[in-house]
Structure formats: C-alpha cells, structure tokens
Amino acid sequence: MVEKKQSIVVVVDGGYHPDTVKLTKGIPAEIIFKRISDKGCVDTIVFPKLGIKRFLPINEQQIFSINTDKAGEYQFHCGMDMAYGKVIIK
C-alpha cells in the first residue's frame, strides 16, 4: 500500500507564495520552502508554535515535515517578523 502524503512548495521571493498553506488532518505532510531571491528579510523562517527557526539559502529547497495529527493554525514569519504566512490543518 502506498502511503498518502501532502506536499506543497512555497516560493520565497520577498514574501511567501502562497502565504497560506492548507493541509488535511491525519495525512503526513511536508512543506518545501524555496527562496529564489535575496529580496526582503526572508532569509530565515520561524514557526513559533513549532519551535522551528531555520535559514533559507537561495535556490535550495528546505523541507519541513509537518505533524498533521492535530487540527489548528500555525503562523510563520521571517526572522525580522515582517513577512507572514500560516499553515491551516483541518
């Protein structure tokens, strides 16, 4: 049996595109952040509720495994707290 997995790419280019990621509860998920330019202050991403802070190198994918066992909304932002996004698990 092939395990289902959710995967979404967020392009980082002075902001987050898309800035809202919707995931289905109970299905394993990954979010792939790909920073394509040095515009803005988005070289670091922070998920406060998840205890994640990671540098985003230009033109390299950074993969985040997301636990979808619990429904909720998780904000993320750049290292300077100026660009925002969120993950919604339903």
PDB file of N, CA and C in Angstrom:
ATOM      1  N   MET A   1       0.844  -1.181   0.000  1.00  0.00           N
ATOM      2  CA  MET A   1       0.000   0.000   0.000  1.00  0.00           C
ATOM      3  C   MET A   1       0.890   1.245   0.000  1.00  0.00           C
ATOM      4  N   VAL A   2       0.562   2.189  -0.861  1.00  0.00           N
ATOM      5  CA  VAL A   2       1.308   3.438  -0.939  1.00  0.00           C
ATOM      6  C   VAL A   2       0.717   4.425   0.063  1.00  0.00           C
ATOM      7  N   GLU A   3       1.577   4.987   0.896  1.00  0.00           N
ATOM      8  CA  GLU A   3       1.124   5.949   1.897  1.00  0.00           C
ATOM      9  C   GLU A   3       0.880   7.298   1.235  1.00  0.00           C
ATOM     10  N   LYS A   4      -0.273   7.895   1.538  1.00  0.00           N
ATOM     11  CA  LYS A   4      -0.573   9.228   1.022  1.00  0.00           C
ATOM     12  C   LYS A   4       0.303  10.249   1.735  1.00  0.00           C
ATOM     13  N   LYS A   5       0.666  11.287   1.008  1.00  0.00           N
ATOM     14  CA  LYS A   5       1.466  12.359   1.595  1.00  0.00           C
ATOM     15  C   LYS A   5       1.066  13.667   0.925  1.00  0.00           C
ATOM     16  N   GLN A   6       0.957  14.696   1.737  1.00  0.00           N
ATOM     17  CA  GLN A   6       0.692  16.028   1.216  1.00  0.00           C
ATOM     18  C   GLN A   6       2.022  16.744   1.047  1.00  0.00           C
ATOM     19  N   SER A   7       2.153  17.447  -0.058  1.00  0.00           N
ATOM     20  CA  SER A   7       3.387  18.189  -0.300  1.00  0.00           C
ATOM     21  C   SER A   7       3.036  19.489  -1.010  1.00  0.00           C
ATOM     22  N   ILE A   8       3.577  20.580  -0.515  1.00  0.00           N
ATOM     23  CA  ILE A   8       3.336  21.875  -1.148  1.00  0.00           C
ATOM     24  C   ILE A   8       4.635  22.661  -1.163  1.00  0.00           C
ATOM     25  N   VAL A   9       4.847  23.388  -2.262  1.00  0.00           N
ATOM     26  CA  VAL A   9       6.029  24.236  -2.401  1.00  0.00           C
ATOM     27  C   VAL A   9       5.617  25.679  -2.132  1.00  0.00           C
ATOM     28  N   VAL A  10       6.378  26.346  -1.273  1.00  0.00           N
ATOM     29  CA  VAL A  10       6.187  27.767  -1.005  1.00  0.00           C
ATOM     30  C   VAL A  10       7.411  28.486  -1.556  1.00  0.00           C
ATOM     31  N   VAL A  11       7.190  29.350  -2.538  1.00  0.00           N
ATOM     32  CA  VAL A  11       8.274  30.131  -3.127  1.00  0.00           C
ATOM     33  C   VAL A  11       8.482  31.374  -2.268  1.00  0.00           C
ATOM     34  N   VAL A  12       9.733  31.608  -1.909  1.00  0.00           N
ATOM     35  CA  VAL A  12      10.092  32.741  -1.057  1.00  0.00           C
ATOM     36  C   VAL A  12      10.809  33.768  -1.931  1.00  0.00           C
ATOM     37  N   ASP A  13      10.136  34.903  -2.160  1.00  0.00           N
ATOM     38  CA  ASP A  13      10.655  35.947  -3.047  1.00  0.00           C
ATOM     39  C   ASP A  13      10.188  37.303  -2.509  1.00  0.00           C
ATOM     40  N   GLY A  14      10.794  37.739  -1.409  1.00  0.00           N
ATOM     41  CA  GLY A  14      10.361  38.969  -0.761  1.00  0.00           C
ATOM     42  C   GLY A  14       9.109  38.768   0.086  1.00  0.00           C
ATOM     43  N   GLY A  15       8.542  37.603   0.030  1.00  0.00           N
ATOM     44  CA  GLY A  15       7.350  37.191   0.774  1.00  0.00           C
ATOM     45  C   GLY A  15       7.164  35.706   0.545  1.00  0.00           C
ATOM     46  N   TYR A  16       6.005  35.191   0.911  1.00  0.00           N
ATOM     47  CA  TYR A  16       5.726  33.762   0.783  1.00  0.00           C
ATOM     48  C   TYR A  16       4.583  33.561  -0.205  1.00  0.00           C
ATOM     49  N   HIS A  17       4.798  32.690  -1.178  1.00  0.00           N
ATOM     50  CA  HIS A  17       3.815  32.462  -2.248  1.00  0.00           C
ATOM     51  C   HIS A  17       3.588  30.968  -2.416  1.00  0.00           C
ATOM     52  N   PRO A  18       2.467  30.416  -1.952  1.00  0.00           N
ATOM     53  CA  PRO A  18       1.359  31.080  -1.274  1.00  0.00           C
ATOM     54  C   PRO A  18       1.713  31.397   0.176  1.00  0.00           C
ATOM     55  N   ASP A  19       0.985  32.315   0.758  1.00  0.00           N
ATOM     56  CA  ASP A  19       1.242  32.662   2.163  1.00  0.00           C
ATOM     57  C   ASP A  19       0.326  31.903   3.123  1.00  0.00           C
ATOM     58  N   THR A  20      -0.641  31.178   2.573  1.00  0.00           N
ATOM     59  CA  THR A  20      -1.495  30.307   3.379  1.00  0.00           C
ATOM     60  C   THR A  20      -1.432  28.900   2.807  1.00  0.00           C
ATOM     61  N   VAL A  21      -1.071  27.951   3.654  1.00  0.00           N
ATOM     62  CA  VAL A  21      -0.966  26.545   3.263  1.00  0.00           C
ATOM     63  C   VAL A  21      -2.058  25.784   4.004  1.00  0.00           C
ATOM     64  N   LYS A  22      -2.901  25.064   3.255  1.00  0.00           N
ATOM     65  CA  LYS A  22      -3.978  24.281   3.862  1.00  0.00           C
ATOM     66  C   LYS A  22      -3.640  22.802   3.750  1.00  0.00           C
ATOM     67  N   LEU A  23      -3.679  22.117   4.895  1.00  0.00           N
ATOM     68  CA  LEU A  23      -3.360  20.696   4.956  1.00  0.00           C
ATOM     69  C   LEU A  23      -4.527  19.933   5.569  1.00  0.00           C
ATOM     70  N   THR A  24      -4.629  18.664   5.177  1.00  0.00           N
ATOM     71  CA  THR A  24      -5.676  17.798   5.707  1.00  0.00           C
ATOM     72  C   THR A  24      -5.174  17.066   6.941  1.00  0.00           C
ATOM     73  N   LYS A  25      -5.952  17.143   7.995  1.00  0.00           N
ATOM     74  CA  LYS A  25      -5.607  16.487   9.258  1.00  0.00           C
ATOM     75  C   LYS A  25      -5.434  14.982   9.042  1.00  0.00           C
ATOM     76  N   GLY A  26      -4.382  14.429   9.655  1.00  0.00           N
ATOM     77  CA  GLY A  26      -4.163  12.995   9.652  1.00  0.00           C
ATOM     78  C   GLY A  26      -3.378  12.437   8.482  1.00  0.00           C
ATOM     79  N   ILE A  27      -3.086  13.252   7.479  1.00  0.00           N
ATOM     80  CA  ILE A  27      -2.288  12.803   6.333  1.00  0.00           C
ATOM     81  C   ILE A  27      -0.906  13.440   6.451  1.00  0.00           C
ATOM     82  N   PRO A  28       0.168  12.621   6.463  1.00  0.00           N
ATOM     83  CA  PRO A  28       1.521  13.177   6.588  1.00  0.00           C
ATOM     84  C   PRO A  28       1.753  14.294   5.565  1.00  0.00           C
ATOM     85  N   ALA A  29       2.511  15.303   5.976  1.00  0.00           N
ATOM     86  CA  ALA A  29       2.695  16.463   5.107  1.00  0.00           C
ATOM     87  C   ALA A  29       4.109  16.998   5.176  1.00  0.00           C
ATOM     88  N   GLU A  30       4.504  17.620   4.066  1.00  0.00           N
ATOM     89  CA  GLU A  30       5.755  18.364   4.042  1.00  0.00           C
ATOM     90  C   GLU A  30       5.511  19.668   3.310  1.00  0.00           C
ATOM     91  N   ILE A  31       6.185  20.694   3.797  1.00  0.00           N
ATOM     92  CA  ILE A  31       6.176  21.989   3.123  1.00  0.00           C
ATOM     93  C   ILE A  31       7.599  22.238   2.670  1.00  0.00           C
ATOM     94  N   ILE A  32       7.740  22.545   1.388  1.00  0.00           N
ATOM     95  CA  ILE A  32       9.051  22.787   0.803  1.00  0.00           C
ATOM     96  C   ILE A  32       9.171  24.283   0.548  1.00  0.00           C
ATOM     97  N   PHE A  33      10.078  24.938   1.254  1.00  0.00           N
ATOM     98  CA  PHE A  33      10.327  26.362   1.056  1.00  0.00           C
ATOM     99  C   PHE A  33      11.503  26.513   0.101  1.00  0.00           C
ATOM    100  N   LYS A  34      11.301  27.303  -0.962  1.00  0.00           N
ATOM    101  CA  LYS A  34      12.375  27.551  -1.920  1.00  0.00           C
ATOM    102  C   LYS A  34      12.539  29.058  -2.092  1.00  0.00           C
ATOM    103  N   ARG A  35      13.624  29.579  -1.561  1.00  0.00           N
ATOM    104  CA  ARG A  35      13.940  31.012  -1.658  1.00  0.00           C
ATOM    105  C   ARG A  35      14.650  31.254  -2.981  1.00  0.00           C
ATOM    106  N   ILE A  36      14.090  32.139  -3.818  1.00  0.00           N
ATOM    107  CA  ILE A  36      14.639  32.335  -5.155  1.00  0.00           C
ATOM    108  C   ILE A  36      15.336  33.679  -5.349  1.00  0.00           C
ATOM    109  N   SER A  37      15.299  34.544  -4.341  1.00  0.00           N
ATOM    110  CA  SER A  37      15.986  35.834  -4.464  1.00  0.00           C
ATOM    111  C   SER A  37      16.380  36.330  -3.078  1.00  0.00           C
ATOM    112  N   ASP A  38      17.172  37.393  -3.068  1.00  0.00           N
ATOM    113  CA  ASP A  38      17.565  37.973  -1.778  1.00  0.00           C
ATOM    114  C   ASP A  38      16.717  39.199  -1.432  1.00  0.00           C
ATOM    115  N   LYS A  39      15.549  39.342  -2.078  1.00  0.00           N
ATOM    116  CA  LYS A  39      14.632  40.444  -1.777  1.00  0.00           C
ATOM    117  C   LYS A  39      14.079  40.315  -0.369  1.00  0.00           C
ATOM    118  N   GLY A  40      14.018  41.407   0.321  1.00  0.00           N
ATOM    119  CA  GLY A  40      13.383  41.437   1.633  1.00  0.00           C
ATOM    120  C   GLY A  40      14.192  40.757   2.719  1.00  0.00           C
ATOM    121  N   CYS A  41      13.521  40.490   3.815  1.00  0.00           N
ATOM    122  CA  CYS A  41      14.183  39.952   5.013  1.00  0.00           C
ATOM    123  C   CYS A  41      13.793  38.501   5.252  1.00  0.00           C
ATOM    124  N   VAL A  42      13.558  37.755   4.188  1.00  0.00           N
ATOM    125  CA  VAL A  42      13.005  36.407   4.322  1.00  0.00           C
ATOM    126  C   VAL A  42      14.072  35.306   4.260  1.00  0.00           C
ATOM    127  N   ASP A  43      15.285  35.612   4.696  1.00  0.00           N
ATOM    128  CA  ASP A  43      16.343  34.596   4.656  1.00  0.00           C
ATOM    129  C   ASP A  43      16.245  33.596   5.808  1.00  0.00           C
ATOM    130  N   THR A  44      15.395  33.876   6.772  1.00  0.00           N
ATOM    131  CA  THR A  44      15.163  32.969   7.899  1.00  0.00           C
ATOM    132  C   THR A  44      13.658  32.806   8.074  1.00  0.00           C
ATOM    133  N   ILE A  45      13.236  31.578   8.380  1.00  0.00           N
ATOM    134  CA  ILE A  45      11.817  31.333   8.639  1.00  0.00           C
ATOM    135  C   ILE A  45      11.652  30.830  10.062  1.00  0.00           C
ATOM    136  N   VAL A  46      10.594  31.311  10.709  1.00  0.00           N
ATOM    137  CA  VAL A  46      10.330  30.970  12.107  1.00  0.00           C
ATOM    138  C   VAL A  46       8.886  30.477  12.233  1.00  0.00           C
ATOM    139  N   PHE A  47       8.720  29.298  12.845  1.00  0.00           N
ATOM    140  CA  PHE A  47       7.412  28.776  13.241  1.00  0.00           C
ATOM    141  C   PHE A  47       7.399  28.804  14.767  1.00  0.00           C
ATOM    142  N   PRO A  48       6.898  29.875  15.393  1.00  0.00           N
ATOM    143  CA  PRO A  48       6.975  29.998  16.857  1.00  0.00           C
ATOM    144  C   PRO A  48       6.348  28.832  17.622  1.00  0.00           C
ATOM    145  N   LYS A  49       5.130  28.420  17.245  1.00  0.00           N
ATOM    146  CA  LYS A  49       4.441  27.350  17.979  1.00  0.00           C
ATOM    147  C   LYS A  49       5.117  25.991  17.817  1.00  0.00           C
ATOM    148  N   LEU A  50       5.880  25.826  16.735  1.00  0.00           N
ATOM    149  CA  LEU A  50       6.535  24.543  16.474  1.00  0.00           C
ATOM    150  C   LEU A  50       7.995  24.537  16.917  1.00  0.00           C
ATOM    151  N   GLY A  51       8.485  25.676  17.393  1.00  0.00           N
ATOM    152  CA  GLY A  51       9.869  25.755  17.852  1.00  0.00           C
ATOM    153  C   GLY A  51      10.882  25.624  16.729  1.00  0.00           C
ATOM    154  N   ILE A  52      10.513  26.082  15.528  1.00  0.00           N
ATOM    155  CA  ILE A  52      11.389  25.965  14.363  1.00  0.00           C
ATOM    156  C   ILE A  52      11.910  27.336  13.966  1.00  0.00           C
ATOM    157  N   LYS A  53      13.210  27.415  13.728  1.00  0.00           N
ATOM    158  CA  LYS A  53      13.842  28.600  13.158  1.00  0.00           C
ATOM    159  C   LYS A  53      14.943  28.076  12.245  1.00  0.00           C
ATOM    160  N   ARG A  54      14.849  28.417  10.948  1.00  0.00           N
ATOM    161  CA  ARG A  54      15.805  27.862  10.002  1.00  0.00           C
ATOM    162  C   ARG A  54      16.173  28.883   8.930  1.00  0.00           C
ATOM    163  N   PHE A  55      17.449  28.887   8.557  1.00  0.00           N
ATOM    164  CA  PHE A  55      17.953  29.721   7.468  1.00  0.00           C
ATOM    165  C   PHE A  55      17.489  29.125   6.142  1.00  0.00           C
ATOM    166  N   LEU A  56      17.119  29.984   5.196  1.00  0.00           N
ATOM    167  CA  LEU A  56      16.686  29.556   3.871  1.00  0.00           C
ATOM    168  C   LEU A  56      17.706  30.017   2.830  1.00  0.00           C
ATOM    169  N   PRO A  57      18.644  29.157   2.444  1.00  0.00           N
ATOM    170  CA  PRO A  57      19.621  29.542   1.424  1.00  0.00           C
ATOM    171  C   PRO A  57      18.930  29.777   0.075  1.00  0.00           C
ATOM    172  N   ILE A  58      19.471  30.670  -0.729  1.00  0.00           N
ATOM    173  CA  ILE A  58      18.912  30.948  -2.051  1.00  0.00           C
ATOM    174  C   ILE A  58      19.075  29.716  -2.937  1.00  0.00           C
ATOM    175  N   ASN A  59      18.007  29.407  -3.690  1.00  0.00           N
ATOM    176  CA  ASN A  59      17.958  28.309  -4.661  1.00  0.00           C
ATOM    177  C   ASN A  59      18.198  26.928  -4.071  1.00  0.00           C
ATOM    178  N   GLU A  60      17.897  26.758  -2.790  1.00  0.00           N
ATOM    179  CA  GLU A  60      17.961  25.440  -2.161  1.00  0.00           C
ATOM    180  C   GLU A  60      16.630  25.175  -1.478  1.00  0.00           C
ATOM    181  N   GLN A  61      16.109  23.986  -1.680  1.00  0.00           N
ATOM    182  CA  GLN A  61      14.860  23.623  -1.024  1.00  0.00           C
ATOM    183  C   GLN A  61      15.113  23.273   0.434  1.00  0.00           C
ATOM    184  N   GLN A  62      14.255  23.761   1.292  1.00  0.00           N
ATOM    185  CA  GLN A  62      14.274  23.403   2.708  1.00  0.00           C
ATOM    186  C   GLN A  62      12.948  22.705   2.992  1.00  0.00           C
ATOM    187  N   ILE A  63      13.028  21.450   3.401  1.00  0.00           N
ATOM    188  CA  ILE A  63      11.830  20.639   3.597  1.00  0.00           C
ATOM    189  C   ILE A  63      11.485  20.568   5.083  1.00  0.00           C
ATOM    190  N   PHE A  64      10.234  20.880   5.389  1.00  0.00           N
ATOM    191  CA  PHE A  64       9.724  20.833   6.755  1.00  0.00           C
ATOM    192  C   PHE A  64       8.652  19.752   6.820  1.00  0.00           C
ATOM    193  N   SER A  65       8.856  18.746   7.642  1.00  0.00           N
ATOM    194  CA  SER A  65       7.817  17.742   7.891  1.00  0.00           C
ATOM    195  C   SER A  65       6.863  18.320   8.928  1.00  0.00           C
ATOM    196  N   ILE A  66       5.578  18.244   8.626  1.00  0.00           N
ATOM    197  CA  ILE A  66       4.566  18.841   9.489  1.00  0.00           C
ATOM    198  C   ILE A  66       3.687  17.735  10.066  1.00  0.00           C
ATOM    199  N   ASN A  67       3.553  17.722  11.375  1.00  0.00           N
ATOM    200  CA  ASN A  67       2.675  16.774  12.051  1.00  0.00           C
ATOM    201  C   ASN A  67       1.238  17.269  11.898  1.00  0.00           C
ATOM    202  N   THR A  68       0.412  16.467  11.248  1.00  0.00           N
ATOM    203  CA  THR A  68      -0.973  16.874  10.985  1.00  0.00           C
ATOM    204  C   THR A  68      -1.979  16.131  11.866  1.00  0.00           C
ATOM    205  N   ASP A  69      -1.518  15.568  12.962  1.00  0.00           N
ATOM    206  CA  ASP A  69      -2.415  14.820  13.854  1.00  0.00           C
ATOM    207  C   ASP A  69      -3.436  15.718  14.551  1.00  0.00           C
ATOM    208  N   LYS A  70      -3.116  16.980  14.682  1.00  0.00           N
ATOM    209  CA  LYS A  70      -3.973  17.910  15.423  1.00  0.00           C
ATOM    210  C   LYS A  70      -4.369  19.077  14.516  1.00  0.00           C
ATOM    211  N   ALA A  71      -5.660  19.347  14.432  1.00  0.00           N
ATOM    212  CA  ALA A  71      -6.136  20.494  13.659  1.00  0.00           C
ATOM    213  C   ALA A  71      -5.694  21.779  14.347  1.00  0.00           C
ATOM    214  N   GLY A  72      -5.463  22.802  13.548  1.00  0.00           N
ATOM    215  CA  GLY A  72      -5.079  24.087  14.122  1.00  0.00           C
ATOM    216  C   GLY A  72      -4.473  25.004  13.085  1.00  0.00           C
ATOM    217  N   GLU A  73      -4.056  26.156  13.544  1.00  0.00           N
ATOM    218  CA  GLU A  73      -3.446  27.168  12.689  1.00  0.00           C
ATOM    219  C   GLU A  73      -2.080  27.513  13.255  1.00  0.00           C
ATOM    220  N   TYR A  74      -1.081  27.495  12.396  1.00  0.00           N
ATOM    221  CA  TYR A  74       0.299  27.740  12.807  1.00  0.00           C
ATOM    222  C   TYR A  74       0.874  28.871  11.969  1.00  0.00           C
ATOM    223  N   GLN A  75       1.210  29.962  12.616  1.00  0.00           N
ATOM    224  CA  GLN A  75       1.787  31.121  11.944  1.00  0.00           C
ATOM    225  C   GLN A  75       3.273  30.885  11.687  1.00  0.00           C
ATOM    226  N   PHE A  76       3.771  31.464  10.598  1.00  0.00           N
ATOM    227  CA  PHE A  76       5.213  31.531  10.387  1.00  0.00           C
ATOM    228  C   PHE A  76       5.555  32.930   9.913  1.00  0.00           C
ATOM    229  N   HIS A  77       6.813  33.314  10.117  1.00  0.00           N
ATOM    230  CA  HIS A  77       7.244  34.650   9.720  1.00  0.00           C
ATOM    231  C   HIS A  77       8.739  34.651   9.455  1.00  0.00           C
ATOM    232  N   CYS A  78       9.206  35.750   8.882  1.00  0.00           N
ATOM    233  CA  CYS A  78      10.638  35.899   8.627  1.00  0.00           C
ATOM    234  C   CYS A  78      11.357  36.199   9.947  1.00  0.00           C
ATOM    235  N   GLY A  79      12.667  36.194   9.893  1.00  0.00           N
ATOM    236  CA  GLY A  79      13.466  36.436  11.088  1.00  0.00           C
ATOM    237  C   GLY A  79      13.285  37.818  11.690  1.00  0.00           C
ATOM    238  N   MET A  80      12.824  38.779  10.874  1.00  0.00           N
ATOM    239  CA  MET A  80      12.603  40.136  11.377  1.00  0.00           C
ATOM    240  C   MET A  80      11.129  40.382  11.737  1.00  0.00           C
ATOM    241  N   ASP A  81      10.305  39.343  11.629  1.00  0.00           N
ATOM    242  CA  ASP A  81       8.881  39.432  11.972  1.00  0.00           C
ATOM    243  C   ASP A  81       8.153  40.468  11.114  1.00  0.00           C
ATOM    244  N   MET A  82       8.474  40.489   9.808  1.00  0.00           N
ATOM    245  CA  MET A  82       7.861  41.460   8.899  1.00  0.00           C
ATOM    246  C   MET A  82       7.049  40.809   7.777  1.00  0.00           C
ATOM    247  N   ALA A  83       7.396  39.592   7.380  1.00  0.00           N
ATOM    248  CA  ALA A  83       6.660  38.855   6.347  1.00  0.00           C
ATOM    249  C   ALA A  83       6.009  37.654   7.033  1.00  0.00           C
ATOM    250  N   TYR A  84       4.746  37.391   6.682  1.00  0.00           N
ATOM    251  CA  TYR A  84       3.966  36.401   7.421  1.00  0.00           C
ATOM    252  C   TYR A  84       3.290  35.381   6.514  1.00  0.00           C
ATOM    253  N   GLY A  85       3.001  34.238   7.103  1.00  0.00           N
ATOM    254  CA  GLY A  85       2.211  33.206   6.457  1.00  0.00           C
ATOM    255  C   GLY A  85       1.615  32.321   7.527  1.00  0.00           C
ATOM    256  N   LYS A  86       0.816  31.340   7.085  1.00  0.00           N
ATOM    257  CA  LYS A  86       0.233  30.423   8.063  1.00  0.00           C
ATOM    258  C   LYS A  86      -0.052  29.075   7.425  1.00  0.00           C
ATOM    259  N   VAL A  87      -0.069  28.076   8.287  1.00  0.00           N
ATOM    260  CA  VAL A  87      -0.444  26.719   7.916  1.00  0.00           C
ATOM    261  C   VAL A  87      -1.743  26.417   8.646  1.00  0.00           C
ATOM    262  N   ILE A  88      -2.736  25.967   7.895  1.00  0.00           N
ATOM    263  CA  ILE A  88      -4.024  25.598   8.477  1.00  0.00           C
ATOM    264  C   ILE A  88      -4.201  24.095   8.292  1.00  0.00           C
ATOM    265  N   ILE A  89      -4.423  23.406   9.396  1.00  0.00           N
ATOM    266  CA  ILE A  89      -4.662  21.961   9.354  1.00  0.00           C
ATOM    267  C   ILE A  89      -6.115  21.729   9.738  1.00  0.00           C
ATOM    268  N   LYS A  90      -6.882  21.130   8.807  1.00  0.00           N
ATOM    269  CA  LYS A  90      -8.312  20.843   9.044  1.00  0.00           C
ATOM    270  C   LYS A  90      -8.561  19.369   8.828  1.00  0.00           C
TER     271      LYS A  90
END
